[in-house]
């Protein structure tokens, strides 16, 4: 098995298609007799899947509403330590380079050294936050499926057992689902291919010919630092990149979020907010553009053993192809609930799944930003609290 096949096998999969206290007796009517280890499902009011910005924000708002960890809610995180996806970021992404990091609700992030790796800064901050609000995050726990249970409950099946929840907040983000496009000849390339999710930092590309694919913030960040050590860099994108000069105000932000929200309401796969706001033109980017680092080529048509080729006969040789092509929402665990629309996405009203009011997605679509996740966590908890108090019908 060559390197691209091995990575694909790991990283790419086909997309799957009463008031609190007044609920039925714990475990009553559940369709699963045990979790496969002889244990009955553990009843819980709300299960939060994921402990990044979206999951911790949701847990904070649950605590404010009076839900207690262990009985009122549980937070399940597959990562080995606090920090969400930030703990996996490359060492050269220092805190000072982070774009648009907003503090979690109830605790500011102050005094951080801008020269320190963001993985360390934010990992330590999230750990303090979990302790301060006694969120009792359970990790590492892998959630394999969320499926229908009995008496209106959802069975959350995990590596640590099964929970029977009255509502689920899915806050799994995108980091675990790198989007790696397929191109003819990809398996023939004799150099190295890797995705942003495994980016090791610029030192790994010293003296090499590097092609960076992708038009987002990560692609530009990679280009700027790799260009300082590589023999050559080539930037390739499907569409001409959109650069944004000047300040980005609240009005522009609302307009961008509205575009993403509209897709989600229609049940289409969400775009990232950055894809509609454009790339902020910083001083470093101005310098890189003047030096030719940001000269962009259209997408190639084929990958060859020694590089890439276009239909017009043009070729470029390369030692490395770096795919900075983004991520998909990590929502495959929700597949048994059949929440997807014909358009391929999960239709939401706010954060609530249109097909099942017990399920909320925080950090999906318009809330896939740090400030968006904070607000969406509060909104999801308000709706869930109202739903559980009313004991309303929940499934479409």
Protein backbone atom coordinates (compact mmCIF):
# COMPACT_ATOMS: atom_id res chain seq x y z
CA UNK A 1 0.00 0.00 0.00
CA UNK A 2 1.53 3.35 -1.00
CA UNK A 3 1.50 6.47 1.16
CA UNK A 4 -1.58 8.10 -0.36
CA UNK A 5 -3.63 4.90 -0.08
CA UNK A 6 -2.65 4.44 3.55
CA UNK A 7 -3.60 7.98 4.47
CA UNK A 8 -6.86 7.77 2.53
CA UNK A 9 -7.81 4.60 4.36
CA UNK A 10 -7.39 6.42 7.65
CA UNK A 11 -8.76 9.83 6.78
CA UNK A 12 -11.44 9.58 4.09
CA UNK A 13 -14.71 7.76 4.27
CA UNK A 14 -17.91 7.98 2.27
CA UNK A 15 -20.48 10.29 3.78
CA UNK A 16 -23.32 8.32 5.58
CA UNK A 17 -26.28 9.34 4.63
CA UNK A 18 -41.43 16.11 30.14
CA UNK A 19 -39.48 18.50 32.28
CA UNK A 20 -36.14 17.56 33.82
CA UNK A 21 -37.06 15.46 36.82
CA UNK A 22 -40.38 14.47 35.24
CA UNK A 23 -38.99 12.05 32.67
CA UNK A 24 -39.84 8.33 32.57
CA UNK A 25 -38.15 6.07 35.08
CA UNK A 26 -34.42 5.80 34.34
CA UNK A 27 -33.85 3.31 31.56
CA UNK A 28 -37.55 2.58 31.08
CA UNK A 29 -38.47 1.28 27.66
CA UNK A 30 -34.96 1.39 26.20
CA UNK A 31 -34.56 -0.78 23.13
CA UNK A 32 -30.96 -1.78 23.90
CA UNK A 33 -30.67 -4.29 26.73
CA UNK A 34 -27.00 -3.60 27.27
CA UNK A 35 -24.02 -1.83 25.74
CA UNK A 36 -22.33 -5.07 24.70
CA UNK A 37 -20.43 -5.30 27.98
CA UNK A 38 -23.38 -6.39 30.08
CA UNK A 39 -24.19 -2.86 31.25
CA UNK A 40 -27.53 -1.15 30.78
CA UNK A 41 -27.55 2.28 29.11
CA UNK A 42 -27.00 5.10 31.58
CA UNK A 43 -29.85 7.64 31.58
CA UNK A 44 -28.87 11.29 31.14
CA UNK A 45 -30.75 14.44 30.24
CA UNK A 46 -28.29 15.82 27.67
CA UNK A 47 -25.25 14.24 26.02
CA UNK A 48 -22.68 16.65 24.59
CA UNK A 49 -20.41 15.08 21.98
CA UNK A 50 -17.12 16.96 21.69
CA UNK A 51 -15.17 19.23 24.04
CA UNK A 52 -13.82 21.92 21.77
CA UNK A 53 -15.12 25.49 21.82
CA UNK A 54 -18.65 24.40 20.85
CA UNK A 55 -18.88 21.57 23.35
CA UNK A 56 -17.46 23.50 26.30
CA UNK A 57 -19.69 26.49 25.56
CA UNK A 58 -22.71 24.17 25.53
CA UNK A 59 -21.64 22.52 28.79
CA UNK A 60 -21.18 25.92 30.44
CA UNK A 61 -24.72 26.96 29.51
CA UNK A 62 -26.11 23.64 30.74
CA UNK A 63 -24.51 24.26 34.12
CA UNK A 64 -25.99 27.75 34.21
CA UNK A 65 -29.42 26.21 33.60
CA UNK A 66 -28.96 23.94 36.61
CA UNK A 67 -27.98 20.69 34.90
CA UNK A 68 -25.37 18.78 36.88
CA UNK A 69 -22.55 16.80 35.28
CA UNK A 70 -23.05 13.07 35.57
CA UNK A 71 -26.81 13.22 36.07
CA UNK A 72 -28.01 16.19 34.04
CA UNK A 73 -25.41 16.09 31.29
CA UNK A 74 -22.26 14.34 30.16
CA UNK A 75 -19.50 15.66 27.88
CA UNK A 76 -17.81 12.99 25.75
CA UNK A 77 -14.52 13.84 24.05
CA UNK A 78 -12.44 11.51 21.91
CA UNK A 79 -9.27 13.62 22.22
CA UNK A 80 -6.63 12.57 24.75
CA UNK A 81 -6.41 15.99 26.44
CA UNK A 82 -8.21 19.34 26.68
CA UNK A 83 -7.86 21.72 23.75
CA UNK A 84 -10.20 20.44 21.07
CA UNK A 85 -8.68 20.53 17.59
CA UNK A 86 -6.21 23.19 18.73
CA UNK A 87 -4.05 20.57 20.46
CA UNK A 88 -3.23 19.07 17.05
CA UNK A 89 -2.12 22.32 15.37
CA UNK A 90 1.42 22.69 14.10
CA UNK A 91 4.04 24.25 16.42
CA UNK A 92 4.67 27.30 14.22
CA UNK A 93 1.04 28.39 14.54
CA UNK A 94 1.68 30.64 17.50
CA UNK A 95 -1.07 32.30 19.47
CA UNK A 96 -0.22 35.65 17.89
CA UNK A 97 -1.01 34.22 14.43
CA UNK A 98 -4.40 32.79 15.39
CA UNK A 99 -7.22 34.36 13.41
CA UNK A 100 -10.34 35.29 15.39
CA UNK A 101 -9.97 33.25 18.60
CA UNK A 102 -12.72 34.28 21.03
CA UNK A 103 -12.78 33.46 24.72
CA UNK A 104 -15.15 30.87 26.10
CA UNK A 105 -18.19 32.24 27.96
CA UNK A 106 -17.56 33.11 31.58
CA UNK A 107 -13.74 33.16 31.49
CA UNK A 108 -11.47 35.44 29.52
CA UNK A 109 -8.18 34.29 28.05
CA UNK A 110 -5.69 36.89 29.24
CA UNK A 111 -1.93 37.22 29.48
CA UNK A 112 -1.15 34.68 26.76
CA UNK A 113 2.30 34.92 25.20
CA UNK A 114 1.74 35.60 21.47
CA UNK A 115 4.98 33.73 20.66
CA UNK A 116 3.83 30.53 22.36
CA UNK A 117 2.30 27.75 20.18
CA UNK A 118 -1.48 28.07 20.03
CA UNK A 119 -1.81 24.36 20.86
CA UNK A 120 -0.19 25.01 24.24
CA UNK A 121 -1.99 28.28 24.99
CA UNK A 122 -5.47 27.09 24.13
CA UNK A 123 -4.96 23.60 25.53
CA UNK A 124 -4.02 25.07 28.92
CA UNK A 125 -6.91 27.55 28.74
CA UNK A 126 -9.46 24.84 27.98
CA UNK A 127 -8.08 22.71 30.83
CA UNK A 128 -8.48 25.62 33.29
CA UNK A 129 -11.99 26.21 31.99
CA UNK A 130 -13.04 22.59 32.47
CA UNK A 131 -11.75 22.68 36.07
CA UNK A 132 -13.24 26.09 36.89
CA UNK A 133 -16.76 25.04 35.92
CA UNK A 134 -16.38 21.38 36.98
CA UNK A 135 -17.52 20.12 33.58
CA UNK A 136 -16.17 16.60 34.22
CA UNK A 137 -15.31 15.88 30.58
CA UNK A 138 -14.92 12.16 29.91
CA UNK A 139 -11.96 11.32 27.67
CA UNK A 140 -10.80 9.64 25.60
CA UNK A 141 -14.25 8.39 24.58
CA UNK A 142 -15.13 7.55 20.98
CA UNK A 143 -18.79 7.94 20.02
CA UNK A 144 -19.66 5.34 17.39
CA UNK A 145 -23.37 6.00 16.87
CA UNK A 146 -26.42 7.91 18.04
CA UNK A 147 -29.61 5.99 17.40
CA UNK A 148 -33.25 5.87 18.42
CA UNK A 149 -33.99 4.38 21.84
CA UNK A 150 -37.26 3.89 23.68
CA UNK A 151 -39.51 6.37 25.46
CA UNK A 152 -38.22 9.24 23.34
CA UNK A 153 -34.58 8.77 24.29
CA UNK A 154 -31.53 8.64 22.07
CA UNK A 155 -28.91 5.96 22.60
CA UNK A 156 -25.37 7.36 22.46
CA UNK A 157 -23.08 4.39 21.88
CA UNK A 158 -19.44 4.88 22.84
CA UNK A 159 -16.21 3.10 23.71
CA UNK A 160 -17.04 3.77 27.38
CA UNK A 161 -20.60 2.44 27.35
CA UNK A 162 -24.00 3.69 26.23
CA UNK A 163 -25.94 6.71 27.44
CA UNK A 164 -29.70 7.11 27.02
CA UNK A 165 -30.16 10.85 26.47
CA UNK A 166 -33.28 12.96 26.13
CA UNK A 167 -31.31 15.37 23.93
CA UNK A 168 -27.95 15.43 22.16
CA UNK A 169 -25.68 18.35 21.34
CA UNK A 170 -23.29 17.34 18.58
CA UNK A 171 -20.18 19.53 18.81
CA UNK A 172 -17.65 17.40 16.97
CA UNK A 173 -16.31 20.05 14.60
CA UNK A 174 -14.44 19.07 11.45
CA UNK A 175 -10.82 18.23 12.33
CA UNK A 176 -11.36 14.48 12.14
CA UNK A 177 -12.71 14.63 8.57
CA UNK A 178 -10.01 16.08 6.29
CA UNK A 179 -11.26 16.72 2.77
CA UNK A 180 -8.77 15.16 0.36
CA UNK A 181 -9.84 15.54 -3.30
CA UNK A 182 -9.16 12.81 -5.84
CA UNK A 183 -7.27 13.51 -9.07
CA UNK A 184 -6.16 11.18 -11.87
CA UNK A 185 -2.72 9.73 -11.25
CA UNK A 186 -2.73 10.54 -7.55
CA UNK A 187 -1.48 7.09 -6.54
CA UNK A 188 1.45 7.31 -8.98
CA UNK A 189 3.13 10.31 -7.33
CA UNK A 190 6.56 9.29 -6.05
CA UNK A 191 6.92 12.23 -3.68
CA UNK A 192 5.12 12.93 -0.42
CA UNK A 193 1.48 13.92 -0.04
CA UNK A 194 -0.02 15.17 3.21
CA UNK A 195 -3.02 17.14 4.46
CA UNK A 196 -3.11 20.18 6.73
CA UNK A 197 -4.30 17.82 9.48
CA UNK A 198 -0.78 16.33 9.53
CA UNK A 199 1.22 19.48 8.75
CA UNK A 200 4.53 19.21 10.66
CA UNK A 201 5.77 22.79 10.27
CA UNK A 202 7.98 24.42 7.62
CA UNK A 203 11.22 22.69 8.58
CA UNK A 204 10.01 19.45 7.00
CA UNK A 205 10.06 21.12 3.55
CA UNK A 206 13.57 22.58 3.55
CA UNK A 207 15.11 22.54 0.08
CA UNK A 208 12.08 20.85 -1.50
CA UNK A 209 9.73 21.75 -4.34
CA UNK A 210 6.32 22.15 -2.73
CA UNK A 211 2.86 22.51 -4.26
CA UNK A 212 0.22 23.87 -1.88
CA UNK A 213 -3.38 23.16 -2.88
CA UNK A 214 -6.24 25.19 -1.41
CA UNK A 215 -7.53 28.74 -1.16
CA UNK A 216 -8.18 29.16 2.55
CA UNK A 217 -6.39 30.68 5.51
CA UNK A 218 -4.34 27.56 6.27
CA UNK A 219 -3.06 27.36 2.69
CA UNK A 220 -1.80 30.93 2.84
CA UNK A 221 -0.23 30.42 6.27
CA UNK A 222 1.58 27.33 4.99
CA UNK A 223 2.77 29.11 1.86
CA UNK A 224 4.18 32.07 3.74
CA UNK A 225 6.33 30.00 6.07
CA UNK A 226 7.28 27.20 3.66
CA UNK A 227 8.44 29.75 1.07
CA UNK A 228 11.22 30.82 3.44
CA UNK A 229 12.86 27.36 3.44
CA UNK A 230 11.67 25.51 0.32
CA UNK A 231 13.47 25.39 -3.03
CA UNK A 232 10.22 26.46 -4.74
CA UNK A 233 6.57 26.85 -3.85
CA UNK A 234 3.56 26.74 -6.16
CA UNK A 235 0.07 27.77 -5.11
CA UNK A 236 -2.85 26.02 -6.82
CA UNK A 237 -6.56 26.70 -6.22
CA UNK A 238 -9.84 25.71 -7.87
CA UNK A 239 -11.12 29.28 -7.85
CA UNK A 240 -9.30 32.61 -7.75
CA UNK A 241 -8.75 33.48 -4.08
CA UNK A 242 -10.77 36.33 -2.63
CA UNK A 243 -8.70 38.82 -0.64
CA UNK A 244 -10.28 41.28 1.75
CA UNK A 245 -8.63 44.61 2.54
CA UNK A 246 -9.53 46.85 5.45
CA UNK A 247 -11.47 46.15 8.63
CA UNK A 248 -14.12 43.46 8.79
CA UNK A 249 -17.06 44.95 10.64
CA UNK A 250 -20.09 43.52 12.35
CA UNK A 251 -22.32 44.21 9.37
CA UNK A 252 -20.07 42.27 6.99
CA UNK A 253 -19.88 39.45 9.52
CA UNK A 254 -23.65 39.18 9.78
CA UNK A 255 -23.97 39.15 6.00
CA UNK A 256 -21.40 36.35 5.70
CA UNK A 257 -23.09 34.24 8.37
CA UNK A 258 -26.46 34.78 6.68
CA UNK A 259 -25.12 33.23 3.47
CA UNK A 260 -23.94 30.14 5.32
CA UNK A 261 -27.20 29.93 7.30
CA UNK A 262 -29.23 29.95 4.11
CA UNK A 263 -27.41 26.87 2.80
CA UNK A 264 -27.95 25.05 6.08
CA UNK A 265 -31.66 25.91 6.16
CA UNK A 266 -31.96 24.39 2.69
CA UNK A 267 -30.25 21.19 3.80
CA UNK A 268 -27.13 21.73 1.70
CA UNK A 269 -23.60 20.91 2.90
CA UNK A 270 -22.36 23.98 4.80
CA UNK A 271 -19.68 26.32 3.55
CA UNK A 272 -17.16 27.71 5.98
CA UNK A 273 -17.69 31.31 7.06
CA UNK A 274 -14.17 32.11 5.79
CA UNK A 275 -15.14 30.93 2.31
CA UNK A 276 -17.59 33.81 2.03
CA UNK A 277 -15.67 36.47 3.98
CA UNK A 278 -12.44 36.18 2.00
CA UNK A 279 -8.83 36.21 3.18
CA UNK A 280 -7.75 39.23 5.26
CA UNK A 281 -4.87 41.02 3.55
CA UNK A 282 -2.25 41.41 6.27
CA UNK A 283 1.12 43.13 5.99
CA UNK A 284 2.85 39.74 5.75
CA UNK A 285 0.55 38.75 2.90
CA UNK A 286 1.22 42.02 1.09
CA UNK A 287 4.94 41.29 1.27
CA UNK A 288 4.41 37.71 0.08
CA UNK A 289 2.31 38.89 -2.83
CA UNK A 290 4.97 41.40 -3.83
CA UNK A 291 7.55 38.60 -3.74
CA UNK A 292 5.40 36.38 -5.97
CA UNK A 293 4.65 33.79 -3.28
CA UNK A 294 0.90 34.32 -3.72
CA UNK A 295 0.94 34.06 -7.50
CA UNK A 296 -1.77 31.49 -8.02
CA UNK A 297 -2.27 28.84 -10.71
CA UNK A 298 -5.59 27.21 -11.62
CA UNK A 299 -6.20 23.64 -10.52
CA UNK A 300 -4.12 21.03 -12.31
CA UNK A 301 -5.81 18.22 -14.23
CA UNK A 302 -3.54 15.31 -13.39
CA UNK A 303 -0.93 14.14 -10.93
CA UNK A 304 2.14 12.51 -12.45
CA UNK A 305 4.92 10.46 -10.85
CA UNK A 306 7.10 13.57 -10.71
CA UNK A 307 4.59 16.37 -10.14
CA UNK A 308 1.40 17.75 -11.70
CA UNK A 309 0.16 18.51 -15.20
CA UNK A 310 -2.48 20.65 -16.90
CA UNK A 311 -4.52 19.82 -19.99
CA UNK A 312 -2.69 22.50 -21.98
CA UNK A 313 0.59 20.59 -21.60
CA UNK A 314 2.09 22.63 -18.78
CA UNK A 315 3.82 20.63 -16.02
CA UNK A 316 5.44 21.38 -12.68
CA UNK A 317 7.76 19.00 -10.87
CA UNK A 318 7.38 18.59 -7.14
CA UNK A 319 8.71 16.70 -4.14
CA UNK A 320 5.66 17.40 -1.97
CA UNK A 321 1.96 18.08 -2.51
CA UNK A 322 0.38 19.68 0.55
CA UNK A 323 -3.42 19.51 0.51
CA UNK A 324 -4.79 22.50 2.44
CA UNK A 325 -8.26 21.66 1.16
CA UNK A 326 -10.29 21.94 4.33
CA UNK A 327 -12.46 19.56 6.27
CA UNK A 328 -15.94 18.07 6.36
CA UNK A 329 -18.24 18.08 9.39
CA UNK A 330 -17.55 15.03 11.58
CA UNK A 331 -21.15 13.87 11.85
CA UNK A 332 -21.03 10.24 10.74
CA UNK A 333 -22.08 9.11 14.24
CA UNK A 334 -25.50 10.69 13.58
CA UNK A 335 -26.11 8.58 10.46
CA UNK A 336 -28.55 6.13 12.15
CA UNK A 337 -30.95 9.04 12.79
CA UNK A 338 -31.24 9.79 9.05
CA UNK A 339 -31.00 13.55 9.49
CA UNK A 340 -29.55 14.33 6.07
CA UNK A 341 -31.63 16.05 3.41
CA UNK A 342 -31.56 15.15 -0.30
CA UNK A 343 -29.08 18.00 -0.83
CA UNK A 344 -26.51 16.20 1.32
CA UNK A 345 -26.52 18.35 4.46
CA UNK A 346 -28.49 18.42 7.71
CA UNK A 347 -31.17 21.12 7.64
CA UNK A 348 -31.15 23.26 10.77
CA UNK A 349 -33.43 25.84 12.31
CA UNK A 350 -30.95 27.72 14.43
CA UNK A 351 -28.98 24.83 15.89
CA UNK A 352 -31.88 22.35 15.92
CA UNK A 353 -32.05 19.53 13.38
CA UNK A 354 -35.25 19.94 11.38
CA UNK A 355 -35.80 16.16 11.31
CA UNK A 356 -35.35 15.66 15.08
CA UNK A 357 -35.75 18.43 17.66
CA UNK A 358 -33.78 16.42 20.23
CA UNK A 359 -30.60 16.89 18.20
CA UNK A 360 -28.70 20.17 18.04
CA UNK A 361 -25.55 20.80 16.01
CA UNK A 362 -23.21 23.41 17.48
CA UNK A 363 -20.12 24.31 15.48
CA UNK A 364 -21.80 23.26 12.24
CA UNK A 365 -22.30 25.67 9.36
CA UNK A 366 -22.79 29.26 10.57
CA UNK A 367 -21.64 28.42 14.11
CA UNK A 368 -18.33 26.93 12.92
CA UNK A 369 -16.26 29.75 14.40
CA UNK A 370 -15.18 30.44 17.95
CA UNK A 371 -17.61 33.32 18.50
CA UNK A 372 -20.34 31.51 16.58
CA UNK A 373 -19.88 28.39 18.72
CA UNK A 374 -20.20 30.42 21.92
CA UNK A 375 -23.52 31.93 20.85
CA UNK A 376 -24.83 28.69 19.38
CA UNK A 377 -24.07 26.79 22.58
CA UNK A 378 -26.30 29.14 24.54
CA UNK A 379 -29.05 29.01 21.92
CA UNK A 380 -29.01 25.20 21.80
CA UNK A 381 -29.28 24.89 25.57
CA UNK A 382 -32.19 27.35 25.73
CA UNK A 383 -34.15 25.30 23.19
CA UNK A 384 -33.31 21.98 24.79
CA UNK A 385 -34.28 23.24 28.24
CA UNK A 386 -37.62 24.43 26.90
CA UNK A 387 -38.19 21.15 25.07
CA UNK A 388 -37.45 18.99 28.10
CA UNK A 389 -39.63 21.10 30.38
CA UNK A 390 -42.55 20.90 27.98
CA UNK A 391 -42.14 17.22 27.22
CA UNK A 392 -43.05 18.13 23.63
CA UNK A 393 -43.05 15.73 20.66
CA UNK A 394 -39.53 15.63 19.35
CA UNK A 395 -39.10 13.51 16.23
CA UNK A 396 -40.24 14.64 12.81
